[in-house]
């Protein structure tokens, strides 16, 4: 796997994890925005893989990664912490948790 493809899959994974975390926290609009960014990176990665080394496709992939990561800084709507408790309870009731999907921090 090329370094650029590794960057693409790493960026897409991080965006998907952000989407999952936002969904768990009741931030559905933000979650969909993260998923849209991840899909744009993965689409460019597929096109690059199919191009057999075409430099234009590789440049498009790098641009897609950079664009997606830049977009994270201006993502709308802003995170609304008031939605977290109800969303967490909803997902727990359904047996859905971040375990195994999101990194955990042990203090």
PDB file of N, CA and C in Angstrom:
ATOM      1  N   UNK A   1       0.853  -1.175   0.000  1.00  0.00           N
ATOM      2  CA  UNK A   1       0.000   0.000   0.000  1.00  0.00           C
ATOM      3  C   UNK A   1       0.895   1.234   0.000  1.00  0.00           C
ATOM      4  N   UNK A   2       0.600   2.153  -0.891  1.00  0.00           N
ATOM      5  CA  UNK A   2       1.409   3.365  -0.966  1.00  0.00           C
ATOM      6  C   UNK A   2       1.144   4.257   0.243  1.00  0.00           C
ATOM      7  N   UNK A   3       2.077   5.147   0.493  1.00  0.00           N
ATOM      8  CA  UNK A   3       1.916   6.079   1.610  1.00  0.00           C
ATOM      9  C   UNK A   3       0.672   6.941   1.423  1.00  0.00           C
ATOM     10  N   UNK A   4       0.388   7.323   0.187  1.00  0.00           N
ATOM     11  CA  UNK A   4      -0.791   8.145  -0.081  1.00  0.00           C
ATOM     12  C   UNK A   4      -2.079   7.365   0.196  1.00  0.00           C
ATOM     13  N   UNK A   5      -2.124   6.104  -0.209  1.00  0.00           N
ATOM     14  CA  UNK A   5      -3.298   5.278   0.086  1.00  0.00           C
ATOM     15  C   UNK A   5      -3.449   5.057   1.582  1.00  0.00           C
ATOM     16  N   UNK A   6      -2.337   4.883   2.272  1.00  0.00           N
ATOM     17  CA  UNK A   6      -2.376   4.726   3.725  1.00  0.00           C
ATOM     18  C   UNK A   6      -2.916   5.999   4.371  1.00  0.00           C
ATOM     19  N   UNK A   7      -2.503   7.156   3.869  1.00  0.00           N
ATOM     20  CA  UNK A   7      -3.025   8.431   4.376  1.00  0.00           C
ATOM     21  C   UNK A   7      -4.526   8.533   4.133  1.00  0.00           C
ATOM     22  N   UNK A   8      -4.958   8.087   2.962  1.00  0.00           N
ATOM     23  CA  UNK A   8      -6.382   8.149   2.623  1.00  0.00           C
ATOM     24  C   UNK A   8      -7.206   7.254   3.540  1.00  0.00           C
ATOM     25  N   UNK A   9      -6.751   6.019   3.742  1.00  0.00           N
ATOM     26  CA  UNK A   9      -7.515   5.115   4.600  1.00  0.00           C
ATOM     27  C   UNK A   9      -7.484   5.582   6.051  1.00  0.00           C
ATOM     28  N   UNK A  10      -6.355   6.138   6.478  1.00  0.00           N
ATOM     29  CA  UNK A  10      -6.272   6.676   7.834  1.00  0.00           C
ATOM     30  C   UNK A  10      -7.207   7.856   8.029  1.00  0.00           C
ATOM     31  N   UNK A  11      -7.251   8.751   7.045  1.00  0.00           N
ATOM     32  CA  UNK A  11      -8.144   9.910   7.128  1.00  0.00           C
ATOM     33  C   UNK A  11      -9.601   9.459   7.115  1.00  0.00           C
ATOM     34  N   UNK A  12      -9.930   8.521   6.237  1.00  0.00           N
ATOM     35  CA  UNK A  12     -11.311   8.033   6.154  1.00  0.00           C
ATOM     36  C   UNK A  12     -11.725   7.334   7.446  1.00  0.00           C
ATOM     37  N   UNK A  13     -10.825   6.547   8.025  1.00  0.00           N
ATOM     38  CA  UNK A  13     -11.123   5.884   9.293  1.00  0.00           C
ATOM     39  C   UNK A  13     -11.387   6.911  10.385  1.00  0.00           C
ATOM     40  N   UNK A  14     -10.535   7.916  10.485  1.00  0.00           N
ATOM     41  CA  UNK A  14     -10.715   8.954  11.504  1.00  0.00           C
ATOM     42  C   UNK A  14     -12.037   9.695  11.300  1.00  0.00           C
ATOM     43  N   UNK A  15     -12.377   9.988  10.051  1.00  0.00           N
ATOM     44  CA  UNK A  15     -13.638  10.671   9.765  1.00  0.00           C
ATOM     45  C   UNK A  15     -14.834   9.796  10.133  1.00  0.00           C
ATOM     46  N   UNK A  16     -14.750   8.500   9.855  1.00  0.00           N
ATOM     47  CA  UNK A  16     -15.831   7.583  10.228  1.00  0.00           C
ATOM     48  C   UNK A  16     -15.961   7.470  11.746  1.00  0.00           C
ATOM     49  N   UNK A  17     -14.839   7.427  12.442  1.00  0.00           N
ATOM     50  CA  UNK A  17     -14.889   7.387  13.905  1.00  0.00           C
ATOM     51  C   UNK A  17     -15.499   8.671  14.453  1.00  0.00           C
ATOM     52  N   UNK A  18     -15.155   9.813  13.860  1.00  0.00           N
ATOM     53  CA  UNK A  18     -15.766  11.077  14.276  1.00  0.00           C
ATOM     54  C   UNK A  18     -17.272  11.047  14.022  1.00  0.00           C
ATOM     55  N   UNK A  19     -17.675  10.496  12.885  1.00  0.00           N
ATOM     56  CA  UNK A  19     -19.102  10.387  12.572  1.00  0.00           C
ATOM     57  C   UNK A  19     -19.807   9.527  13.618  1.00  0.00           C
ATOM     58  N   UNK A  20     -19.209   8.402  13.958  1.00  0.00           N
ATOM     59  CA  UNK A  20     -19.798   7.489  14.937  1.00  0.00           C
ATOM     60  C   UNK A  20     -19.930   8.178  16.294  1.00  0.00           C
ATOM     61  N   UNK A  21     -18.870   8.839  16.710  1.00  0.00           N
ATOM     62  CA  UNK A  21     -18.898   9.544  17.988  1.00  0.00           C
ATOM     63  C   UNK A  21     -19.936  10.651  18.014  1.00  0.00           C
ATOM     64  N   UNK A  22     -20.047  11.382  16.923  1.00  0.00           N
ATOM     65  CA  UNK A  22     -21.050  12.437  16.855  1.00  0.00           C
ATOM     66  C   UNK A  22     -22.455  11.850  16.874  1.00  0.00           C
ATOM     67  N   UNK A  23     -22.665  10.747  16.177  1.00  0.00           N
ATOM     68  CA  UNK A  23     -23.979  10.101  16.195  1.00  0.00           C
ATOM     69  C   UNK A  23     -24.311   9.631  17.612  1.00  0.00           C
ATOM     70  N   UNK A  24     -23.336   9.033  18.288  1.00  0.00           N
ATOM     71  CA  UNK A  24     -23.555   8.585  19.667  1.00  0.00           C
ATOM     72  C   UNK A  24     -23.905   9.749  20.584  1.00  0.00           C
ATOM     73  N   UNK A  25     -23.399  10.941  20.267  1.00  0.00           N
ATOM     74  CA  UNK A  25     -23.646  12.122  21.083  1.00  0.00           C
ATOM     75  C   UNK A  25     -24.836  12.951  20.636  1.00  0.00           C
ATOM     76  N   UNK A  26     -25.647  12.414  19.727  1.00  0.00           N
ATOM     77  CA  UNK A  26     -26.848  13.122  19.306  1.00  0.00           C
ATOM     78  C   UNK A  26     -26.621  14.192  18.258  1.00  0.00           C
ATOM     79  N   UNK A  27     -25.468  14.175  17.646  1.00  0.00           N
ATOM     80  CA  UNK A  27     -25.105  15.201  16.662  1.00  0.00           C
ATOM     81  C   UNK A  27     -25.265  14.650  15.248  1.00  0.00           C
ATOM     82  N   UNK A  28     -26.481  14.271  14.875  1.00  0.00           N
ATOM     83  CA  UNK A  28     -26.707  13.589  13.598  1.00  0.00           C
ATOM     84  C   UNK A  28     -26.237  14.399  12.396  1.00  0.00           C
ATOM     85  N   UNK A  29     -26.527  15.697  12.368  1.00  0.00           N
ATOM     86  CA  UNK A  29     -26.123  16.523  11.221  1.00  0.00           C
ATOM     87  C   UNK A  29     -24.603  16.521  11.070  1.00  0.00           C
ATOM     88  N   UNK A  30     -23.897  16.625  12.180  1.00  0.00           N
ATOM     89  CA  UNK A  30     -22.435  16.584  12.134  1.00  0.00           C
ATOM     90  C   UNK A  30     -21.952  15.200  11.689  1.00  0.00           C
ATOM     91  N   UNK A  31     -22.611  14.156  12.173  1.00  0.00           N
ATOM     92  CA  UNK A  31     -22.222  12.794  11.798  1.00  0.00           C
ATOM     93  C   UNK A  31     -22.330  12.600  10.290  1.00  0.00           C
ATOM     94  N   UNK A  32     -23.419  13.077   9.710  1.00  0.00           N
ATOM     95  CA  UNK A  32     -23.575  12.946   8.260  1.00  0.00           C
ATOM     96  C   UNK A  32     -22.537  13.762   7.509  1.00  0.00           C
ATOM     97  N   UNK A  33     -22.164  14.909   8.045  1.00  0.00           N
ATOM     98  CA  UNK A  33     -21.120  15.720   7.401  1.00  0.00           C
ATOM     99  C   UNK A  33     -19.782  14.976   7.417  1.00  0.00           C
ATOM    100  N   UNK A  34     -19.452  14.339   8.539  1.00  0.00           N
ATOM    101  CA  UNK A  34     -18.221  13.546   8.608  1.00  0.00           C
ATOM    102  C   UNK A  34     -18.265  12.373   7.626  1.00  0.00           C
ATOM    103  N   UNK A  35     -19.415  11.710   7.531  1.00  0.00           N
ATOM    104  CA  UNK A  35     -19.535  10.593   6.589  1.00  0.00           C
ATOM    105  C   UNK A  35     -19.376  11.063   5.148  1.00  0.00           C
ATOM    106  N   UNK A  36     -19.935  12.210   4.830  1.00  0.00           N
ATOM    107  CA  UNK A  36     -19.793  12.757   3.473  1.00  0.00           C
ATOM    108  C   UNK A  36     -18.320  12.999   3.147  1.00  0.00           C
ATOM    109  N   UNK A  37     -17.575  13.533   4.109  1.00  0.00           N
ATOM    110  CA  UNK A  37     -16.142  13.766   3.901  1.00  0.00           C
ATOM    111  C   UNK A  37     -15.395  12.444   3.723  1.00  0.00           C
ATOM    112  N   UNK A  38     -15.725  11.452   4.544  1.00  0.00           N
ATOM    113  CA  UNK A  38     -15.068  10.141   4.428  1.00  0.00           C
ATOM    114  C   UNK A  38     -15.352   9.515   3.068  1.00  0.00           C
ATOM    115  N   UNK A  39     -16.579   9.636   2.607  1.00  0.00           N
ATOM    116  CA  UNK A  39     -16.938   9.075   1.299  1.00  0.00           C
ATOM    117  C   UNK A  39     -16.168   9.764   0.189  1.00  0.00           C
ATOM    118  N   UNK A  40     -15.966  11.072   0.305  1.00  0.00           N
ATOM    119  CA  UNK A  40     -15.209  11.779  -0.741  1.00  0.00           C
ATOM    120  C   UNK A  40     -13.762  11.289  -0.793  1.00  0.00           C
ATOM    121  N   UNK A  41     -13.177  11.031   0.368  1.00  0.00           N
ATOM    122  CA  UNK A  41     -11.804  10.516   0.409  1.00  0.00           C
ATOM    123  C   UNK A  41     -11.750   9.098  -0.162  1.00  0.00           C
ATOM    124  N   UNK A  42     -12.687   8.254   0.233  1.00  0.00           N
ATOM    125  CA  UNK A  42     -12.691   6.873  -0.259  1.00  0.00           C
ATOM    126  C   UNK A  42     -12.974   6.801  -1.758  1.00  0.00           C
ATOM    127  N   UNK A  43     -13.818   7.673  -2.256  1.00  0.00           N
ATOM    128  CA  UNK A  43     -14.087   7.716  -3.696  1.00  0.00           C
ATOM    129  C   UNK A  43     -12.819   8.070  -4.461  1.00  0.00           C
ATOM    130  N   UNK A  44     -12.113   9.082  -3.978  1.00  0.00           N
ATOM    131  CA  UNK A  44     -10.851   9.472  -4.624  1.00  0.00           C
ATOM    132  C   UNK A  44      -9.818   8.354  -4.515  1.00  0.00           C
ATOM    133  N   UNK A  45      -9.807   7.632  -3.392  1.00  0.00           N
ATOM    134  CA  UNK A  45      -8.866   6.514  -3.230  1.00  0.00           C
ATOM    135  C   UNK A  45      -9.175   5.405  -4.233  1.00  0.00           C
ATOM    136  N   UNK A  46     -10.445   5.109  -4.434  1.00  0.00           N
ATOM    137  CA  UNK A  46     -10.821   4.098  -5.433  1.00  0.00           C
ATOM    138  C   UNK A  46     -10.393   4.520  -6.828  1.00  0.00           C
ATOM    139  N   UNK A  47     -10.635   5.774  -7.164  1.00  0.00           N
ATOM    140  CA  UNK A  47     -10.250   6.270  -8.488  1.00  0.00           C
ATOM    141  C   UNK A  47      -8.736   6.229  -8.672  1.00  0.00           C
ATOM    142  N   UNK A  48      -8.007   6.548  -7.615  1.00  0.00           N
ATOM    143  CA  UNK A  48      -6.553   6.502  -7.681  1.00  0.00           C
ATOM    144  C   UNK A  48      -6.066   5.063  -7.862  1.00  0.00           C
ATOM    145  N   UNK A  49      -6.674   4.138  -7.137  1.00  0.00           N
ATOM    146  CA  UNK A  49      -6.273   2.730  -7.243  1.00  0.00           C
ATOM    147  C   UNK A  49      -6.553   2.182  -8.641  1.00  0.00           C
ATOM    148  N   UNK A  50      -7.654   2.617  -9.224  1.00  0.00           N
ATOM    149  CA  UNK A  50      -8.018   2.151 -10.569  1.00  0.00           C
ATOM    150  C   UNK A  50      -7.186   2.799 -11.667  1.00  0.00           C
ATOM    151  N   UNK A  51      -6.473   3.875 -11.347  1.00  0.00           N
ATOM    152  CA  UNK A  51      -5.764   4.648 -12.373  1.00  0.00           C
ATOM    153  C   UNK A  51      -4.410   4.060 -12.755  1.00  0.00           C
ATOM    154  N   UNK A  52      -3.944   3.085 -11.995  1.00  0.00           N
ATOM    155  CA  UNK A  52      -2.652   2.429 -12.273  1.00  0.00           C
ATOM    156  C   UNK A  52      -1.495   3.417 -12.313  1.00  0.00           C
ATOM    157  N   UNK A  53      -1.430   4.259 -11.280  1.00  0.00           N
ATOM    158  CA  UNK A  53      -0.288   5.157 -11.156  1.00  0.00           C
ATOM    159  C   UNK A  53      -0.417   6.480 -11.879  1.00  0.00           C
ATOM    160  N   UNK A  54      -1.593   6.811 -12.394  1.00  0.00           N
ATOM    161  CA  UNK A  54      -1.798   8.102 -13.055  1.00  0.00           C
ATOM    162  C   UNK A  54      -1.587   9.215 -12.032  1.00  0.00           C
ATOM    163  N   UNK A  55      -0.648  10.085 -12.304  1.00  0.00           N
ATOM    164  CA  UNK A  55      -0.280  11.141 -11.365  1.00  0.00           C
ATOM    165  C   UNK A  55      -1.447  12.086 -11.096  1.00  0.00           C
ATOM    166  N   UNK A  56      -2.332  12.265 -12.085  1.00  0.00           N
ATOM    167  CA  UNK A  56      -3.492  13.148 -11.882  1.00  0.00           C
ATOM    168  C   UNK A  56      -4.437  12.574 -10.836  1.00  0.00           C
ATOM    169  N   UNK A  57      -4.631  11.267 -10.848  1.00  0.00           N
ATOM    170  CA  UNK A  57      -5.502  10.630  -9.861  1.00  0.00           C
ATOM    171  C   UNK A  57      -4.873  10.694  -8.475  1.00  0.00           C
ATOM    172  N   UNK A  58      -3.557  10.540  -8.412  1.00  0.00           N
ATOM    173  CA  UNK A  58      -2.874  10.650  -7.121  1.00  0.00           C
ATOM    174  C   UNK A  58      -2.975  12.070  -6.573  1.00  0.00           C
ATOM    175  N   UNK A  59      -2.836  13.067  -7.451  1.00  0.00           N
ATOM    176  CA  UNK A  59      -2.986  14.461  -7.016  1.00  0.00           C
ATOM    177  C   UNK A  59      -4.417  14.716  -6.548  1.00  0.00           C
ATOM    178  N   UNK A  60      -5.394  14.166  -7.263  1.00  0.00           N
ATOM    179  CA  UNK A  60      -6.795  14.321  -6.865  1.00  0.00           C
ATOM    180  C   UNK A  60      -7.038  13.680  -5.498  1.00  0.00           C
ATOM    181  N   UNK A  61      -6.389  12.548  -5.232  1.00  0.00           N
ATOM    182  CA  UNK A  61      -6.524  11.892  -3.934  1.00  0.00           C
ATOM    183  C   UNK A  61      -5.917  12.756  -2.842  1.00  0.00           C
ATOM    184  N   UNK A  62      -4.721  13.274  -3.072  1.00  0.00           N
ATOM    185  CA  UNK A  62      -4.102  14.150  -2.073  1.00  0.00           C
ATOM    186  C   UNK A  62      -4.975  15.368  -1.824  1.00  0.00           C
ATOM    187  N   UNK A  63      -5.516  15.949  -2.881  1.00  0.00           N
ATOM    188  CA  UNK A  63      -6.399  17.110  -2.735  1.00  0.00           C
ATOM    189  C   UNK A  63      -7.663  16.753  -1.954  1.00  0.00           C
ATOM    190  N   UNK A  64      -8.217  15.559  -2.195  1.00  0.00           N
ATOM    191  CA  UNK A  64      -9.420  15.120  -1.478  1.00  0.00           C
ATOM    192  C   UNK A  64      -9.133  14.944   0.010  1.00  0.00           C
ATOM    193  N   UNK A  65      -7.977  14.375   0.332  1.00  0.00           N
ATOM    194  CA  UNK A  65      -7.597  14.211   1.742  1.00  0.00           C
ATOM    195  C   UNK A  65      -7.445  15.575   2.399  1.00  0.00           C
ATOM    196  N   UNK A  66      -6.679  16.456   1.762  1.00  0.00           N
ATOM    197  CA  UNK A  66      -6.447  17.792   2.324  1.00  0.00           C
ATOM    198  C   UNK A  66      -7.752  18.561   2.481  1.00  0.00           C
ATOM    199  N   UNK A  67      -8.605  18.489   1.479  1.00  0.00           N
ATOM    200  CA  UNK A  67      -9.880  19.202   1.509  1.00  0.00           C
ATOM    201  C   UNK A  67     -10.773  18.690   2.639  1.00  0.00           C
ATOM    202  N   UNK A  68     -10.829  17.373   2.807  1.00  0.00           N
ATOM    203  CA  UNK A  68     -11.655  16.785   3.866  1.00  0.00           C
ATOM    204  C   UNK A  68     -11.144  17.187   5.244  1.00  0.00           C
ATOM    205  N   UNK A  69      -9.836  17.121   5.432  1.00  0.00           N
ATOM    206  CA  UNK A  69      -9.281  17.474   6.741  1.00  0.00           C
ATOM    207  C   UNK A  69      -9.440  18.959   7.032  1.00  0.00           C
ATOM    208  N   UNK A  70      -9.333  19.803   6.008  1.00  0.00           N
ATOM    209  CA  UNK A  70      -9.566  21.240   6.196  1.00  0.00           C
ATOM    210  C   UNK A  70     -11.026  21.518   6.535  1.00  0.00           C
ATOM    211  N   UNK A  71     -11.941  20.782   5.926  1.00  0.00           N
ATOM    212  CA  UNK A  71     -13.371  20.995   6.146  1.00  0.00           C
ATOM    213  C   UNK A  71     -13.785  20.683   7.580  1.00  0.00           C
ATOM    214  N   UNK A  72     -13.060  19.787   8.229  1.00  0.00           N
ATOM    215  CA  UNK A  72     -13.384  19.433   9.615  1.00  0.00           C
ATOM    216  C   UNK A  72     -13.328  20.667  10.517  1.00  0.00           C
ATOM    217  N   UNK A  73     -12.411  21.574  10.230  1.00  0.00           N
ATOM    218  CA  UNK A  73     -12.251  22.763  11.064  1.00  0.00           C
ATOM    219  C   UNK A  73     -13.434  23.720  10.979  1.00  0.00           C
ATOM    220  N   UNK A  74     -14.226  23.626   9.930  1.00  0.00           N
ATOM    221  CA  UNK A  74     -15.349  24.551   9.750  1.00  0.00           C
ATOM    222  C   UNK A  74     -16.684  23.814   9.683  1.00  0.00           C
ATOM    223  N   UNK A  75     -16.727  22.618  10.220  1.00  0.00           N
ATOM    224  CA  UNK A  75     -17.923  21.788  10.144  1.00  0.00           C
ATOM    225  C   UNK A  75     -19.095  22.449  10.863  1.00  0.00           C
ATOM    226  N   UNK A  76     -20.235  22.436  10.213  1.00  0.00           N
ATOM    227  CA  UNK A  76     -21.469  22.974  10.787  1.00  0.00           C
ATOM    228  C   UNK A  76     -22.505  21.863  10.839  1.00  0.00           C
ATOM    229  N   UNK A  77     -23.422  21.903  11.750  1.00  0.00           N
ATOM    230  CA  UNK A  77     -23.585  22.869  12.826  1.00  0.00           C
ATOM    231  C   UNK A  77     -22.587  22.601  13.949  1.00  0.00           C
ATOM    232  N   UNK A  78     -22.415  23.570  14.831  1.00  0.00           N
ATOM    233  CA  UNK A  78     -21.490  23.350  15.941  1.00  0.00           C
ATOM    234  C   UNK A  78     -21.983  22.229  16.860  1.00  0.00           C
ATOM    235  N   UNK A  79     -21.045  21.621  17.551  1.00  0.00           N
ATOM    236  CA  UNK A  79     -21.369  20.550  18.496  1.00  0.00           C
ATOM    237  C   UNK A  79     -22.270  21.109  19.590  1.00  0.00           C
ATOM    238  N   UNK A  80     -23.349  20.402  19.889  1.00  0.00           N
ATOM    239  CA  UNK A  80     -24.311  20.838  20.908  1.00  0.00           C
ATOM    240  C   UNK A  80     -24.298  19.844  22.062  1.00  0.00           C
ATOM    241  N   UNK A  81     -23.581  20.167  23.147  1.00  0.00           N
ATOM    242  CA  UNK A  81     -23.470  19.222  24.261  1.00  0.00           C
ATOM    243  C   UNK A  81     -24.803  18.921  24.946  1.00  0.00           C
ATOM    244  N   UNK A  82     -25.813  19.769  24.759  1.00  0.00           N
ATOM    245  CA  UNK A  82     -27.099  19.529  25.415  1.00  0.00           C
ATOM    246  C   UNK A  82     -27.812  18.290  24.864  1.00  0.00           C
ATOM    247  N   UNK A  83     -27.375  17.792  23.731  1.00  0.00           N
ATOM    248  CA  UNK A  83     -28.007  16.615  23.121  1.00  0.00           C
ATOM    249  C   UNK A  83     -27.398  15.294  23.588  1.00  0.00           C
ATOM    250  N   UNK A  84     -26.278  15.363  24.283  1.00  0.00           N
ATOM    251  CA  UNK A  84     -25.513  14.147  24.588  1.00  0.00           C
ATOM    252  C   UNK A  84     -26.222  13.166  25.515  1.00  0.00           C
ATOM    253  N   UNK A  85     -26.789  13.641  26.611  1.00  0.00           N
ATOM    254  CA  UNK A  85     -27.372  12.719  27.592  1.00  0.00           C
ATOM    255  C   UNK A  85     -28.512  11.898  27.001  1.00  0.00           C
ATOM    256  N   UNK A  86     -29.427  12.556  26.293  1.00  0.00           N
ATOM    257  CA  UNK A  86     -30.560  11.836  25.699  1.00  0.00           C
ATOM    258  C   UNK A  86     -30.080  10.844  24.642  1.00  0.00           C
ATOM    259  N   UNK A  87     -29.114  11.258  23.837  1.00  0.00           N
ATOM    260  CA  UNK A  87     -28.610  10.370  22.785  1.00  0.00           C
ATOM    261  C   UNK A  87     -27.893   9.166  23.384  1.00  0.00           C
ATOM    262  N   UNK A  88     -27.074   9.403  24.383  1.00  0.00           N
ATOM    263  CA  UNK A  88     -26.351   8.303  25.027  1.00  0.00           C
ATOM    264  C   UNK A  88     -27.329   7.290  25.608  1.00  0.00           C
ATOM    265  N   UNK A  89     -28.367   7.781  26.269  1.00  0.00           N
ATOM    266  CA  UNK A  89     -29.375   6.887  26.845  1.00  0.00           C
ATOM    267  C   UNK A  89     -30.100   6.106  25.748  1.00  0.00           C
ATOM    268  N   UNK A  90     -30.417   6.781  24.649  1.00  0.00           N
ATOM    269  CA  UNK A  90     -31.106   6.121  23.528  1.00  0.00           C
ATOM    270  C   UNK A  90     -30.268   4.976  22.974  1.00  0.00           C
ATOM    271  N   UNK A  91     -28.986   5.239  22.722  1.00  0.00           N
ATOM    272  CA  UNK A  91     -28.129   4.208  22.131  1.00  0.00           C
ATOM    273  C   UNK A  91     -27.860   3.081  23.119  1.00  0.00           C
ATOM    274  N   UNK A  92     -27.676   3.416  24.404  1.00  0.00           N
ATOM    275  CA  UNK A  92     -27.464   2.369  25.410  1.00  0.00           C
ATOM    276  C   UNK A  92     -28.676   1.450  25.495  1.00  0.00           C
ATOM    277  N   UNK A  93     -29.874   2.043  25.428  1.00  0.00           N
ATOM    278  CA  UNK A  93     -31.106   1.251  25.478  1.00  0.00           C
ATOM    279  C   UNK A  93     -31.174   0.270  24.305  1.00  0.00           C
ATOM    280  N   UNK A  94     -30.628   0.669  23.168  1.00  0.00           N
ATOM    281  CA  UNK A  94     -30.612  -0.190  21.982  1.00  0.00           C
ATOM    282  C   UNK A  94     -29.414  -1.142  21.955  1.00  0.00           C
ATOM    283  N   UNK A  95     -28.546  -1.045  22.968  1.00  0.00           N
ATOM    284  CA  UNK A  95     -27.378  -1.920  23.039  1.00  0.00           C
ATOM    285  C   UNK A  95     -26.233  -1.499  22.138  1.00  0.00           C
ATOM    286  N   UNK A  96     -26.244  -0.241  21.712  1.00  0.00           N
ATOM    287  CA  UNK A  96     -25.190   0.270  20.834  1.00  0.00           C
ATOM    288  C   UNK A  96     -24.216   1.084  21.672  1.00  0.00           C
ATOM    289  N   UNK A  97     -22.939   0.746  21.560  1.00  0.00           N
ATOM    290  CA  UNK A  97     -21.925   1.459  22.334  1.00  0.00           C
ATOM    291  C   UNK A  97     -20.717   1.751  21.446  1.00  0.00           C
ATOM    292  N   UNK A  98     -19.843   2.632  21.911  1.00  0.00           N
ATOM    293  CA  UNK A  98     -18.636   2.927  21.143  1.00  0.00           C
ATOM    294  C   UNK A  98     -17.529   1.887  21.323  1.00  0.00           C
ATOM    295  N   UNK A  99     -17.753   0.901  22.165  1.00  0.00           N
ATOM    296  CA  UNK A  99     -16.721  -0.106  22.435  1.00  0.00           C
ATOM    297  C   UNK A  99     -16.303  -0.810  21.151  1.00  0.00           C
ATOM    298  N   UNK A 100     -15.006  -0.843  20.920  1.00  0.00           N
ATOM    299  CA  UNK A 100     -14.466  -1.506  19.753  1.00  0.00           C
ATOM    300  C   UNK A 100     -14.490  -0.671  18.482  1.00  0.00           C
ATOM    301  N   UNK A 101     -15.138   0.486  18.537  1.00  0.00           N
ATOM    302  CA  UNK A 101     -15.220   1.358  17.370  1.00  0.00           C
ATOM    303  C   UNK A 101     -14.396   2.618  17.592  1.00  0.00           C
ATOM    304  N   UNK A 102     -14.551   3.185  18.769  1.00  0.00           N
ATOM    305  CA  UNK A 102     -13.847   4.418  19.093  1.00  0.00           C
ATOM    306  C   UNK A 102     -12.720   4.136  20.069  1.00  0.00           C
ATOM    307  N   UNK A 103     -11.626   4.864  19.933  1.00  0.00           N
ATOM    308  CA  UNK A 103     -10.538   4.705  20.903  1.00  0.00           C
ATOM    309  C   UNK A 103     -11.030   5.103  22.294  1.00  0.00           C
ATOM    310  N   UNK A 104     -10.523   4.424  23.297  1.00  0.00           N
ATOM    311  CA  UNK A 104     -10.900   4.768  24.664  1.00  0.00           C
ATOM    312  C   UNK A 104      -9.687   5.296  25.404  1.00  0.00           C
ATOM    313  N   UNK A 105      -9.974   6.147  26.360  1.00  0.00           N
ATOM    314  CA  UNK A 105      -8.922   6.732  27.182  1.00  0.00           C
ATOM    315  C   UNK A 105      -9.131   6.245  28.604  1.00  0.00           C
ATOM    316  N   UNK A 106      -8.108   5.674  29.188  1.00  0.00           N
ATOM    317  CA  UNK A 106      -8.168   5.225  30.568  1.00  0.00           C
ATOM    318  C   UNK A 106      -7.372   6.197  31.418  1.00  0.00           C
ATOM    319  N   UNK A 107      -8.023   6.716  32.422  1.00  0.00           N
ATOM    320  CA  UNK A 107      -7.343   7.675  33.311  1.00  0.00           C
ATOM    321  C   UNK A 107      -6.872   6.999  34.564  1.00  0.00           C
TER     322      UNK A 107
END
